Amino acid sequence: MDFAQGKITTIHDFEMDFENLRSRLSELNTKYPAGVIIPIHENDLENPQVQGIVSGLNKCDYLRKVYIALSAENSDNYEKAMKLTSALKVPCEVVWCNKPEVTEILEELRSKGLDVTKSFGKGKDLWLALGIASLELYALAVHDSDIVSYSEMLPTKLLYAIVEPRMDFFFSKGYYARVNLETRRIYGRIFRLFINPLLDALQKKLAHQSSFIRYLQSFKYPLSGEIAIYSDVALNLRIPADWGLELGMLAELYRNISDKRICDVDLGFYDHRHKELSQESLLKTAENCVITLLRTLTEIEGIDVSEAFLLSLQVTYRRFAQDKVRQYYADALCNSLDYDRHEEETNVDTLSNIVTRSGKRYLTNPVIAQLPDWLRAISAMSDVRERLKRAAIER
């Protein structure tokens, strides 16, 4: 059992008790109201995992509100989401993120010189929901809608770290073991085989030790989508709209708050729907993560990205990734896990091509627009959050 502390504070689960945490959060609810945001696409409304999440949230009676950030093309799927939330015992509102009335307000915002109409996806849905939820909540937890191993402890652990005033954290990030003990498989390929060794490769390639890379390496699982955040901090972040959302958010936190206000939270074993290593899903995530890293390192460290740099980085990455395969193989062997070393090596070959391909994309367009922070949006249109809330949430 790991109990070490590093640059980022780690909140371990040695013997956390849900009732104790729930009771304390209920006690703090009046002064520090907390809630949960769940981005969900219309295609995922009928997934069995959603019912498990509803059951877990129903035990979290300390929650002031749950927000479903829904991406739906028509009112039929909005109604499906409303039926789903009817099973929730805690207050819930469905934020219909691409509702025509919402688009109209965003078009008005564009006419004032702030264009978010060209962004689509989870990042934009989360941006909208954060703006609306921050009107009434002190702390917000965010997690995906496809978690197989969901329990009431997940939002509780994340939120307790933010709401408990004796700790004074502004941001908590979940980490976990991506191991399915039933199938005996290790998952989390993009982190294990790509981001982790890529950060090592970048650190080796740079002429100096990068404090930003060292910061990212301090997180036990930087690609985790399970977080909680103080709402005032959320209003200061430029959220990426693409699949580099998680790393992009960590980069924004690096720019805005001290490491002392950030913590890792142990969420135990974790499992969700698994995706193939295809261009439409995980490889797209990997590609956008590289672009996010290169853009942030250019902004913060002033690195010079060239095709020669990318080719050298690819070679260095492959060496570090092959070392990771050997390490995970040893871990799997000792724990009697099903580990296909050849498949892992093949995945490394595939992922190594992402380094140069995404790097060339970055060189073509190094200035990629992020969604603006909410403080800027409010300065352009003072009542934009209130208007979006009225438009996106039907009553």
Protein backbone atom coordinates (compact mmCIF):
# COMPACT_ATOMS: atom_id res chain seq x y z
CA MET A 1 0.00 0.00 0.00
CA ASP A 2 1.43 3.33 -1.06
CA PHE A 3 1.47 6.10 1.57
CA ALA A 4 4.12 8.41 0.11
CA GLN A 5 3.67 12.15 -0.41
CA GLY A 6 5.20 14.18 -3.21
CA LYS A 7 4.95 17.60 -4.83
CA ILE A 8 1.15 17.24 -5.07
CA THR A 9 -0.61 16.21 -1.85
CA THR A 10 -2.07 12.69 -2.00
CA ILE A 11 -5.27 11.85 -0.11
CA HIS A 12 -5.01 8.10 0.38
CA ASP A 13 -7.91 5.82 1.18
CA PHE A 14 -6.52 3.87 4.10
CA GLU A 15 -9.89 3.50 5.79
CA MET A 16 -12.27 6.22 4.60
CA ASP A 17 -15.82 5.91 5.88
CA PHE A 18 -18.69 7.12 3.71
CA GLU A 19 -21.00 7.95 6.60
CA ASN A 20 -18.40 10.12 8.30
CA LEU A 21 -17.64 12.02 5.09
CA ARG A 22 -21.34 12.29 4.17
CA SER A 23 -22.22 13.62 7.61
CA ARG A 24 -19.51 16.25 7.48
CA LEU A 25 -20.48 17.36 3.95
CA SER A 26 -24.11 17.63 5.06
CA GLU A 27 -23.00 19.78 8.00
CA LEU A 28 -21.08 22.09 5.64
CA ASN A 29 -23.78 22.17 2.96
CA THR A 30 -25.36 25.48 3.99
CA LYS A 31 -22.10 27.44 3.92
CA TYR A 32 -20.36 25.44 1.19
CA PRO A 33 -22.99 23.99 -1.18
CA ALA A 34 -21.60 21.26 -3.42
CA GLY A 35 -22.81 19.54 -6.56
CA VAL A 36 -21.89 17.20 -9.40
CA ILE A 37 -21.66 17.77 -13.16
CA ILE A 38 -21.97 14.78 -15.49
CA PRO A 39 -21.37 15.42 -19.21
CA ILE A 40 -23.37 12.91 -21.24
CA HIS A 41 -24.03 12.40 -24.95
CA GLU A 42 -27.50 11.41 -26.10
CA ASN A 43 -26.14 8.07 -27.37
CA ASP A 44 -25.14 7.13 -23.83
CA LEU A 45 -28.46 7.78 -22.09
CA GLU A 46 -29.50 4.13 -22.12
CA ASN A 47 -26.15 2.65 -21.10
CA PRO A 48 -26.49 0.38 -18.04
CA GLN A 49 -23.69 2.27 -16.28
CA VAL A 50 -25.94 5.31 -15.95
CA GLN A 51 -28.34 3.46 -13.66
CA GLY A 52 -25.47 2.54 -11.36
CA ILE A 53 -24.45 6.20 -11.18
CA VAL A 54 -28.01 7.22 -10.29
CA SER A 55 -28.06 4.63 -7.47
CA GLY A 56 -24.75 5.92 -6.11
CA LEU A 57 -25.79 9.58 -6.25
CA ASN A 58 -29.03 8.81 -4.39
CA LYS A 59 -26.93 8.00 -1.32
CA CYS A 60 -25.22 11.41 -1.50
CA ASP A 61 -27.97 13.40 0.19
CA TYR A 62 -25.48 16.18 1.02
CA LEU A 63 -25.48 17.29 -2.64
CA ARG A 64 -27.18 20.59 -3.32
CA LYS A 65 -27.67 19.73 -7.00
CA VAL A 66 -26.65 17.42 -9.85
CA TYR A 67 -26.25 18.87 -13.35
CA ILE A 68 -26.49 16.66 -16.42
CA ALA A 69 -24.59 18.42 -19.22
CA LEU A 70 -26.49 16.92 -22.14
CA SER A 71 -25.51 16.93 -25.78
CA ALA A 72 -28.73 16.13 -27.69
CA GLU A 73 -29.88 17.00 -31.18
CA ASN A 74 -33.62 16.90 -30.51
CA SER A 75 -36.22 17.22 -27.78
CA ASP A 76 -36.93 13.47 -27.74
CA ASN A 77 -33.51 12.76 -26.29
CA TYR A 78 -33.91 15.67 -23.90
CA GLU A 79 -37.08 13.98 -22.63
CA LYS A 80 -35.14 10.72 -22.23
CA ALA A 81 -32.65 12.56 -20.04
CA MET A 82 -35.50 14.04 -17.99
CA LYS A 83 -36.97 10.55 -17.41
CA LEU A 84 -33.56 9.33 -16.36
CA THR A 85 -33.17 12.09 -13.79
CA SER A 86 -36.63 11.41 -12.36
CA ALA A 87 -35.04 8.48 -10.54
CA LEU A 88 -32.66 10.81 -8.71
CA LYS A 89 -33.54 11.65 -5.12
CA VAL A 90 -31.18 14.64 -5.04
CA PRO A 91 -32.14 17.84 -6.91
CA CYS A 92 -31.14 17.62 -10.57
CA GLU A 93 -31.22 19.86 -13.63
CA VAL A 94 -30.54 18.90 -17.23
CA VAL A 95 -28.44 21.48 -19.07
CA TRP A 96 -29.29 21.01 -22.75
CA CYS A 97 -25.99 22.31 -24.11
CA ASN A 98 -26.82 22.48 -27.82
CA LYS A 99 -30.40 23.64 -27.48
CA PRO A 100 -31.27 26.24 -30.18
CA GLU A 101 -31.98 28.91 -27.55
CA VAL A 102 -28.49 28.34 -26.10
CA THR A 103 -26.95 28.72 -29.54
CA GLU A 104 -28.76 32.02 -29.98
CA ILE A 105 -27.17 33.43 -26.82
CA LEU A 106 -23.73 32.20 -27.88
CA GLU A 107 -24.26 33.90 -31.26
CA GLU A 108 -24.98 37.13 -29.40
CA LEU A 109 -21.79 36.62 -27.42
CA ARG A 110 -19.95 36.14 -30.74
CA SER A 111 -21.29 39.49 -31.97
CA LYS A 112 -19.55 41.05 -28.96
CA GLY A 113 -16.20 39.63 -30.11
CA LEU A 114 -16.10 36.35 -28.16
CA ASP A 115 -16.76 33.36 -30.42
CA VAL A 116 -17.38 29.93 -28.87
CA THR A 117 -19.79 28.79 -31.57
CA LYS A 118 -17.12 26.84 -33.46
CA SER A 119 -16.32 24.57 -30.51
CA PHE A 120 -18.11 21.29 -29.97
CA GLY A 121 -17.83 18.30 -27.67
CA LYS A 122 -17.37 17.42 -24.03
CA GLY A 123 -15.14 20.41 -23.29
CA LYS A 124 -17.73 22.91 -24.45
CA ASP A 125 -20.55 21.09 -22.63
CA LEU A 126 -18.51 21.12 -19.44
CA TRP A 127 -17.72 24.82 -19.95
CA LEU A 128 -21.41 25.67 -20.21
CA ALA A 129 -22.35 23.56 -17.19
CA LEU A 130 -19.55 25.03 -15.06
CA GLY A 131 -20.72 28.54 -15.82
CA ILE A 132 -24.32 27.76 -14.93
CA ALA A 133 -23.54 25.67 -11.84
CA SER A 134 -21.14 28.28 -10.45
CA LEU A 135 -24.11 30.61 -9.93
CA GLU A 136 -25.16 28.63 -6.86
CA LEU A 137 -22.46 26.13 -5.89
CA TYR A 138 -19.22 26.53 -3.96
CA ALA A 139 -17.65 23.26 -5.11
CA LEU A 140 -18.25 21.12 -8.18
CA ALA A 141 -17.32 17.50 -8.86
CA VAL A 142 -17.12 16.32 -12.47
CA HIS A 143 -17.10 12.73 -13.71
CA ASP A 144 -18.00 10.71 -16.79
CA SER A 145 -21.25 8.81 -17.39
CA ASP A 146 -19.74 5.43 -18.34
CA ILE A 147 -18.19 4.37 -15.02
CA VAL A 148 -18.78 0.67 -14.39
CA SER A 149 -17.37 0.61 -10.85
CA TYR A 150 -19.25 3.71 -9.63
CA SER A 151 -20.09 4.12 -5.96
CA GLU A 152 -21.22 6.92 -3.67
CA MET A 153 -17.62 7.27 -2.48
CA LEU A 154 -16.42 8.70 -5.80
CA PRO A 155 -18.03 12.18 -5.64
CA THR A 156 -17.80 12.18 -1.85
CA LYS A 157 -14.02 11.76 -1.77
CA LEU A 158 -13.49 14.38 -4.47
CA LEU A 159 -15.76 16.97 -2.89
CA TYR A 160 -14.65 16.45 0.70
CA ALA A 161 -11.13 17.54 -0.23
CA ILE A 162 -12.51 20.86 -1.55
CA VAL A 163 -15.33 21.57 0.89
CA GLU A 164 -13.59 20.71 4.17
CA PRO A 165 -12.17 24.11 5.29
CA ARG A 166 -9.48 22.49 7.43
CA MET A 167 -7.70 21.34 4.25
CA ASP A 168 -8.00 24.43 2.01
CA PHE A 169 -7.69 22.76 -1.41
CA PHE A 170 -9.07 24.38 -4.56
CA PHE A 171 -8.80 21.38 -6.88
CA SER A 172 -8.83 17.61 -6.38
CA LYS A 173 -8.10 15.01 -9.03
CA GLY A 174 -9.01 11.36 -8.76
CA TYR A 175 -6.49 8.60 -9.36
CA TYR A 176 -7.12 4.89 -9.49
CA ALA A 177 -5.92 1.48 -10.53
CA ARG A 178 -7.24 0.80 -14.05
CA VAL A 179 -7.39 -2.93 -13.35
CA ASN A 180 -10.43 -5.17 -13.84
CA LEU A 181 -10.07 -7.97 -11.31
CA GLU A 182 -12.78 -10.05 -12.99
CA THR A 183 -11.15 -10.13 -16.42
CA ARG A 184 -7.64 -9.81 -14.87
CA ARG A 185 -6.76 -7.07 -17.37
CA ILE A 186 -4.83 -3.81 -17.04
CA TYR A 187 -6.31 -0.87 -18.92
CA GLY A 188 -5.44 2.84 -19.12
CA ARG A 189 -3.27 2.39 -22.23
CA ILE A 190 -3.06 6.05 -23.24
CA PHE A 191 -1.67 7.01 -19.85
CA ARG A 192 0.50 3.92 -19.28
CA LEU A 193 1.97 3.54 -22.74
CA PHE A 194 1.85 7.09 -24.08
CA ILE A 195 1.54 10.07 -21.74
CA ASN A 196 3.72 8.66 -18.97
CA PRO A 197 6.72 7.77 -21.18
CA LEU A 198 6.15 10.85 -23.38
CA LEU A 199 6.58 13.12 -20.36
CA ASP A 200 9.84 11.30 -19.56
CA ALA A 201 10.96 11.76 -23.17
CA LEU A 202 10.10 15.46 -23.20
CA GLN A 203 11.99 16.04 -19.97
CA LYS A 204 15.03 14.30 -21.41
CA LYS A 205 14.83 16.26 -24.69
CA LEU A 206 14.68 19.72 -23.12
CA ALA A 207 17.92 21.50 -22.35
CA HIS A 208 16.64 22.30 -18.86
CA GLN A 209 14.43 20.53 -16.33
CA SER A 210 10.89 21.67 -17.07
CA SER A 211 8.95 22.63 -13.95
CA PHE A 212 5.69 22.15 -15.91
CA ILE A 213 6.55 18.57 -16.89
CA ARG A 214 7.67 17.85 -13.34
CA TYR A 215 4.30 19.20 -12.17
CA LEU A 216 2.40 16.88 -14.55
CA GLN A 217 4.52 13.92 -13.46
CA SER A 218 3.51 14.62 -9.86
CA PHE A 219 -0.05 13.48 -10.62
CA LYS A 220 -0.65 9.77 -10.29
CA TYR A 221 -3.15 9.75 -13.17
CA PRO A 222 -3.10 13.04 -15.13
CA LEU A 223 -5.67 11.80 -17.67
CA SER A 224 -8.30 11.17 -15.02
CA GLY A 225 -11.62 12.84 -15.82
CA GLU A 226 -12.80 12.66 -12.21
CA ILE A 227 -12.18 16.00 -10.50
CA ALA A 228 -13.62 18.51 -8.06
CA ILE A 229 -12.99 22.23 -8.16
CA TYR A 230 -13.76 25.41 -6.24
CA SER A 231 -16.21 27.32 -8.42
CA ASP A 232 -14.30 30.62 -8.32
CA VAL A 233 -11.23 28.83 -9.69
CA ALA A 234 -13.34 27.21 -12.41
CA LEU A 235 -14.36 30.68 -13.62
CA ASN A 236 -10.68 31.51 -14.25
CA LEU A 237 -9.83 28.51 -16.46
CA ARG A 238 -9.65 28.38 -20.24
CA ILE A 239 -11.08 24.93 -20.93
CA PRO A 240 -9.91 23.07 -24.06
CA ALA A 241 -12.79 21.98 -26.28
CA ASP A 242 -10.95 19.02 -27.82
CA TRP A 243 -9.91 15.60 -26.48
CA GLY A 244 -6.98 17.12 -24.63
CA LEU A 245 -9.38 18.38 -21.95
CA GLU A 246 -7.78 16.76 -18.90
CA LEU A 247 -4.19 17.82 -19.63
CA GLY A 248 -5.39 21.23 -20.76
CA MET A 249 -7.15 21.78 -17.45
CA LEU A 250 -4.03 20.82 -15.50
CA ALA A 251 -2.06 23.29 -17.61
CA GLU A 252 -4.54 26.05 -16.73
CA LEU A 253 -4.32 25.19 -13.04
CA TYR A 254 -0.53 25.39 -13.28
CA ARG A 255 -0.92 28.96 -14.54
CA ASN A 256 -3.53 29.99 -11.97
CA ILE A 257 -3.04 28.37 -8.55
CA SER A 258 -0.32 27.07 -6.26
CA ASP A 259 0.54 23.37 -6.08
CA LYS A 260 -0.34 23.56 -2.39
CA ARG A 261 -3.99 24.04 -3.34
CA ILE A 262 -4.12 20.85 -5.46
CA CYS A 263 -4.47 17.25 -4.33
CA ASP A 264 -4.70 13.72 -5.71
CA VAL A 265 -7.51 11.58 -4.28
CA ASP A 266 -7.46 7.78 -4.17
CA LEU A 267 -10.57 6.38 -5.89
CA GLY A 268 -9.49 2.73 -5.59
CA PHE A 269 -10.12 0.35 -8.47
CA TYR A 270 -11.83 1.93 -11.44
CA ASP A 271 -13.43 0.56 -14.57
CA HIS A 272 -15.45 2.06 -17.40
CA ARG A 273 -16.45 1.14 -20.94
CA HIS A 274 -13.34 0.30 -22.89
CA LYS A 275 -12.59 1.74 -26.32
CA GLU A 276 -10.55 0.34 -29.15
CA LEU A 277 -7.22 1.90 -30.03
CA SER A 278 -8.67 3.56 -33.12
CA GLN A 279 -8.33 6.94 -34.79
CA GLU A 280 -11.91 7.83 -33.77
CA SER A 281 -11.34 7.44 -30.04
CA LEU A 282 -8.16 6.78 -28.08
CA LEU A 283 -5.70 7.78 -30.79
CA LYS A 284 -7.57 11.05 -31.19
CA THR A 285 -7.19 11.61 -27.46
CA ALA A 286 -3.46 10.89 -27.69
CA GLU A 287 -3.06 13.26 -30.62
CA ASN A 288 -4.80 16.15 -28.89
CA CYS A 289 -2.81 15.52 -25.72
CA VAL A 290 0.45 15.96 -27.65
CA ILE A 291 -0.79 19.22 -29.16
CA THR A 292 -1.82 20.46 -25.71
CA LEU A 293 1.61 19.59 -24.29
CA LEU A 294 3.51 21.27 -27.13
CA ARG A 295 1.36 24.39 -26.99
CA THR A 296 1.70 24.71 -23.21
CA LEU A 297 5.45 24.09 -23.24
CA THR A 298 5.81 26.77 -25.92
CA GLU A 299 3.73 29.24 -23.88
CA ILE A 300 5.37 28.53 -20.52
CA GLU A 301 8.90 27.34 -21.32
CA GLY A 302 9.44 28.90 -24.77
CA ILE A 303 10.53 25.61 -26.39
CA ASP A 304 11.33 25.54 -30.12
CA VAL A 305 9.30 22.81 -31.84
CA SER A 306 10.59 21.67 -35.23
CA GLU A 307 10.32 18.55 -37.38
CA ALA A 308 13.80 17.50 -36.22
CA PHE A 309 12.72 17.92 -32.61
CA LEU A 310 9.62 15.77 -33.24
CA LEU A 311 11.58 12.95 -34.92
CA SER A 312 14.06 12.87 -32.05
CA LEU A 313 11.19 12.95 -29.54
CA GLN A 314 9.56 10.00 -31.29
CA VAL A 315 12.70 7.88 -30.95
CA THR A 316 13.18 8.86 -27.31
CA TYR A 317 9.52 8.20 -26.51
CA ARG A 318 9.70 4.69 -28.01
CA ARG A 319 12.65 3.76 -25.78
CA PHE A 320 10.89 4.95 -22.61
CA ALA A 321 7.60 3.28 -23.65
CA GLN A 322 9.33 -0.07 -24.23
CA ASP A 323 10.77 0.18 -20.73
CA LYS A 324 7.24 0.76 -19.37
CA VAL A 325 6.00 -2.38 -21.13
CA ARG A 326 8.70 -4.40 -19.38
CA GLN A 327 7.72 -2.90 -16.01
CA TYR A 328 3.99 -3.55 -16.44
CA TYR A 329 4.72 -7.08 -17.61
CA ALA A 330 6.61 -7.77 -14.38
CA ASP A 331 3.78 -6.28 -12.30
CA ALA A 332 1.17 -8.34 -14.16
CA LEU A 333 3.20 -11.54 -13.83
CA CYS A 334 3.43 -11.20 -10.06
CA ASN A 335 -0.31 -10.49 -9.76
CA SER A 336 -1.46 -13.24 -12.18
CA LEU A 337 -2.95 -10.67 -14.54
CA ASP A 338 -3.70 -11.30 -18.21
CA TYR A 339 -1.02 -9.24 -19.98
CA ASP A 340 -0.29 -9.56 -23.69
CA ARG A 341 3.22 -8.17 -24.01
CA HIS A 342 3.22 -8.42 -27.82
CA GLU A 343 -0.03 -6.44 -28.01
CA GLU A 344 1.41 -3.78 -25.72
CA GLU A 345 4.56 -3.50 -27.87
CA THR A 346 2.36 -3.20 -30.97
CA ASN A 347 0.38 -0.42 -29.28
CA VAL A 348 3.64 1.43 -28.60
CA ASP A 349 4.52 1.20 -32.31
CA THR A 350 1.12 2.68 -33.20
CA LEU A 351 1.35 5.42 -30.58
CA SER A 352 4.89 6.43 -31.57
CA ASN A 353 3.54 7.59 -34.93
CA ILE A 354 1.17 9.91 -33.07
CA VAL A 355 4.13 11.94 -31.80
CA THR A 356 5.19 13.15 -35.25
CA ARG A 357 1.71 13.27 -36.78
CA SER A 358 0.23 15.42 -34.02
CA GLY A 359 3.41 17.50 -33.85
CA LYS A 360 3.09 18.36 -37.54
CA ARG A 361 -0.53 19.34 -36.93
CA TYR A 362 0.67 21.64 -34.17
CA LEU A 363 3.30 23.24 -36.44
CA THR A 364 0.61 23.91 -39.05
CA ASN A 365 -1.54 25.76 -36.51
CA PRO A 366 0.28 26.43 -33.22
CA VAL A 367 -2.26 28.98 -32.00
CA ILE A 368 -5.32 26.88 -31.27
CA ALA A 369 -8.21 28.70 -29.65
CA GLN A 370 -9.38 27.53 -26.26
CA LEU A 371 -12.73 28.28 -24.75
CA PRO A 372 -12.43 31.58 -22.89
CA ASP A 373 -12.46 31.72 -19.13
CA TRP A 374 -15.84 32.67 -17.70
CA LEU A 375 -14.57 35.94 -16.26
CA ARG A 376 -13.89 37.13 -19.79
CA ALA A 377 -17.29 35.93 -20.99
CA ILE A 378 -18.96 37.79 -18.12
CA SER A 379 -17.02 40.95 -18.96
CA ALA A 380 -18.37 40.72 -22.53
CA MET A 381 -21.95 40.00 -21.42
CA SER A 382 -22.56 40.53 -17.71
CA ASP A 383 -25.66 38.34 -17.43
CA VAL A 384 -24.53 35.56 -19.80
CA ARG A 385 -24.61 32.80 -17.16
CA GLU A 386 -28.09 33.71 -15.97
CA ARG A 387 -29.40 33.87 -19.53
CA LEU A 388 -27.81 30.55 -20.45
CA LYS A 389 -29.33 28.95 -17.38
CA ARG A 390 -32.81 30.11 -18.34
CA ALA A 391 -32.29 28.94 -21.93
CA ALA A 392 -30.64 25.57 -21.26
CA ILE A 393 -32.78 24.33 -18.37
CA GLU A 394 -36.46 23.78 -19.07
CA ARG A 395 -38.87 23.73 -16.19
